[in-house]
Structures are given as structure tokens and as C-alpha cells.
């Protein structure tokens, strides 16, 4: 799902970036405390990926990995 969203947002290497993003979310959900204000569901993932697409379009000079993971 993350790969398709990244592709639709214009990323050129969506498979690799989706793998990194899902791994990061998995680690965060395992490592951070289980409090209600942490949301690692698909709605949150989709919001982050769509925002990354907007950042990619506004920051054309940065690498895709930098835009997605910062």
C-alpha cells in the first residue's frame, strides 16, 4: 500500500522507500510506549506519505529518501 501511495505521489523509487518507511513505523510502534496519543495505523501512514509527496514537490532538489524520512 505504501509503495502505491508513494508512486502516486511521484516518487521514483517507491519500493525501496516504502520498505524503509514501513520498517521505521514498525520499529516505532514496538519501541515507543503504548500510549493512546501514538498512532501507527494506516490512516497515519497514509497522511505521512501524502505529506511527503507535497514536500517532494516543493523541495525538488532534495533526495527522495531525505524528504520521506526527515
C-alpha atoms as a PDB file:
ATOM      1  CA  UNK A   1       0.000   0.000   0.000  1.00  0.00           C
ATOM      2  CA  UNK A   2       2.816   2.402   0.911  1.00  0.00           C
ATOM      3  CA  UNK A   3       4.539   1.671  -2.384  1.00  0.00           C
ATOM      4  CA  UNK A   4       1.410   2.528  -4.379  1.00  0.00           C
ATOM      5  CA  UNK A   5       0.871   5.770  -2.448  1.00  0.00           C
ATOM      6  CA  UNK A   6       4.489   6.823  -2.930  1.00  0.00           C
ATOM      7  CA  UNK A   7       4.286   6.006  -6.635  1.00  0.00           C
ATOM      8  CA  UNK A   8       1.110   8.060  -6.984  1.00  0.00           C
ATOM      9  CA  UNK A   9       2.828  10.965  -5.196  1.00  0.00           C
ATOM     10  CA  UNK A  10       5.591  10.957  -7.824  1.00  0.00           C
ATOM     11  CA  UNK A  11       8.434   9.136  -6.083  1.00  0.00           C
ATOM     12  CA  UNK A  12      10.790   7.370  -8.481  1.00  0.00           C
ATOM     13  CA  UNK A  13      11.927   4.592  -6.108  1.00  0.00           C
ATOM     14  CA  UNK A  14       8.721   3.751  -4.250  1.00  0.00           C
ATOM     15  CA  UNK A  15       9.526   0.101  -3.485  1.00  0.00           C
ATOM     16  CA  UNK A  16      12.733   0.823  -1.571  1.00  0.00           C
ATOM     17  CA  UNK A  17      11.276   3.871   0.180  1.00  0.00           C
ATOM     18  CA  UNK A  18       8.094   2.011   1.160  1.00  0.00           C
ATOM     19  CA  UNK A  19      10.196  -0.749   2.680  1.00  0.00           C
ATOM     20  CA  UNK A  20      12.162   1.809   4.726  1.00  0.00           C
ATOM     21  CA  UNK A  21       9.014   3.628   5.801  1.00  0.00           C
ATOM     22  CA  UNK A  22       7.159   0.521   6.923  1.00  0.00           C
ATOM     23  CA  UNK A  23      10.234  -0.703   8.806  1.00  0.00           C
ATOM     24  CA  UNK A  24      10.517   2.652  10.565  1.00  0.00           C
ATOM     25  CA  UNK A  25       6.833   2.589  11.580  1.00  0.00           C
ATOM     26  CA  UNK A  26       7.167  -0.982  12.792  1.00  0.00           C
ATOM     27  CA  UNK A  27      10.172  -0.093  14.943  1.00  0.00           C
ATOM     28  CA  UNK A  28       8.430   2.986  16.325  1.00  0.00           C
ATOM     29  CA  UNK A  29       5.343   1.014  17.271  1.00  0.00           C
ATOM     30  CA  UNK A  30       7.496  -1.584  19.038  1.00  0.00           C
ATOM     31  CA  UNK A  31       9.930   0.787  20.747  1.00  0.00           C
ATOM     32  CA  UNK A  32       7.725   3.685  21.843  1.00  0.00           C
ATOM     33  CA  UNK A  33       5.382   3.424  24.791  1.00  0.00           C
ATOM     34  CA  UNK A  34       1.881   2.146  24.164  1.00  0.00           C
ATOM     35  CA  UNK A  35       0.094   5.409  24.948  1.00  0.00           C
ATOM     36  CA  UNK A  36      -3.077   6.490  23.191  1.00  0.00           C
ATOM     37  CA  UNK A  37      -1.561   9.573  21.574  1.00  0.00           C
ATOM     38  CA  UNK A  38       0.796   7.441  19.447  1.00  0.00           C
ATOM     39  CA  UNK A  39      -0.967   6.354  16.280  1.00  0.00           C
ATOM     40  CA  UNK A  40       0.798   3.989  13.911  1.00  0.00           C
ATOM     41  CA  UNK A  41      -2.249   2.863  11.947  1.00  0.00           C
ATOM     42  CA  UNK A  42      -2.740   3.011   8.205  1.00  0.00           C
ATOM     43  CA  UNK A  43      -4.512   6.369   8.389  1.00  0.00           C
ATOM     44  CA  UNK A  44      -1.399   7.908   9.981  1.00  0.00           C
ATOM     45  CA  UNK A  45       0.919   6.206   7.489  1.00  0.00           C
ATOM     46  CA  UNK A  46      -1.146   7.487   4.567  1.00  0.00           C
ATOM     47  CA  UNK A  47      -1.095  11.026   5.963  1.00  0.00           C
ATOM     48  CA  UNK A  48       2.687  10.948   6.294  1.00  0.00           C
ATOM     49  CA  UNK A  49       3.135   9.597   2.761  1.00  0.00           C
ATOM     50  CA  UNK A  50       0.828  12.212   1.220  1.00  0.00           C
ATOM     51  CA  UNK A  51       2.640  14.973   3.130  1.00  0.00           C
ATOM     52  CA  UNK A  52       5.959  13.569   1.908  1.00  0.00           C
ATOM     53  CA  UNK A  53       4.635  13.861  -1.641  1.00  0.00           C
ATOM     54  CA  UNK A  54       3.804  17.528  -1.069  1.00  0.00           C
ATOM     55  CA  UNK A  55       7.272  18.122   0.384  1.00  0.00           C
ATOM     56  CA  UNK A  56       8.869  16.339  -2.572  1.00  0.00           C
ATOM     57  CA  UNK A  57       7.092  18.642  -4.986  1.00  0.00           C
ATOM     58  CA  UNK A  58       8.086  21.763  -3.036  1.00  0.00           C
ATOM     59  CA  UNK A  59      11.719  20.668  -2.491  1.00  0.00           C
ATOM     60  CA  UNK A  60      12.725  19.371  -5.892  1.00  0.00           C
ATOM     61  CA  UNK A  61      16.453  19.499  -5.133  1.00  0.00           C
ATOM     62  CA  UNK A  62      16.447  17.121  -2.169  1.00  0.00           C
ATOM     63  CA  UNK A  63      16.770  13.367  -2.443  1.00  0.00           C
ATOM     64  CA  UNK A  64      13.603  11.329  -2.067  1.00  0.00           C
ATOM     65  CA  UNK A  65      14.888   9.466   0.978  1.00  0.00           C
ATOM     66  CA  UNK A  66      15.700  12.758   2.727  1.00  0.00           C
ATOM     67  CA  UNK A  67      12.243  14.127   2.011  1.00  0.00           C
ATOM     68  CA  UNK A  68      10.491  10.985   3.237  1.00  0.00           C
ATOM     69  CA  UNK A  69      12.478  10.206   6.359  1.00  0.00           C
ATOM     70  CA  UNK A  70      13.037  13.681   7.808  1.00  0.00           C
END
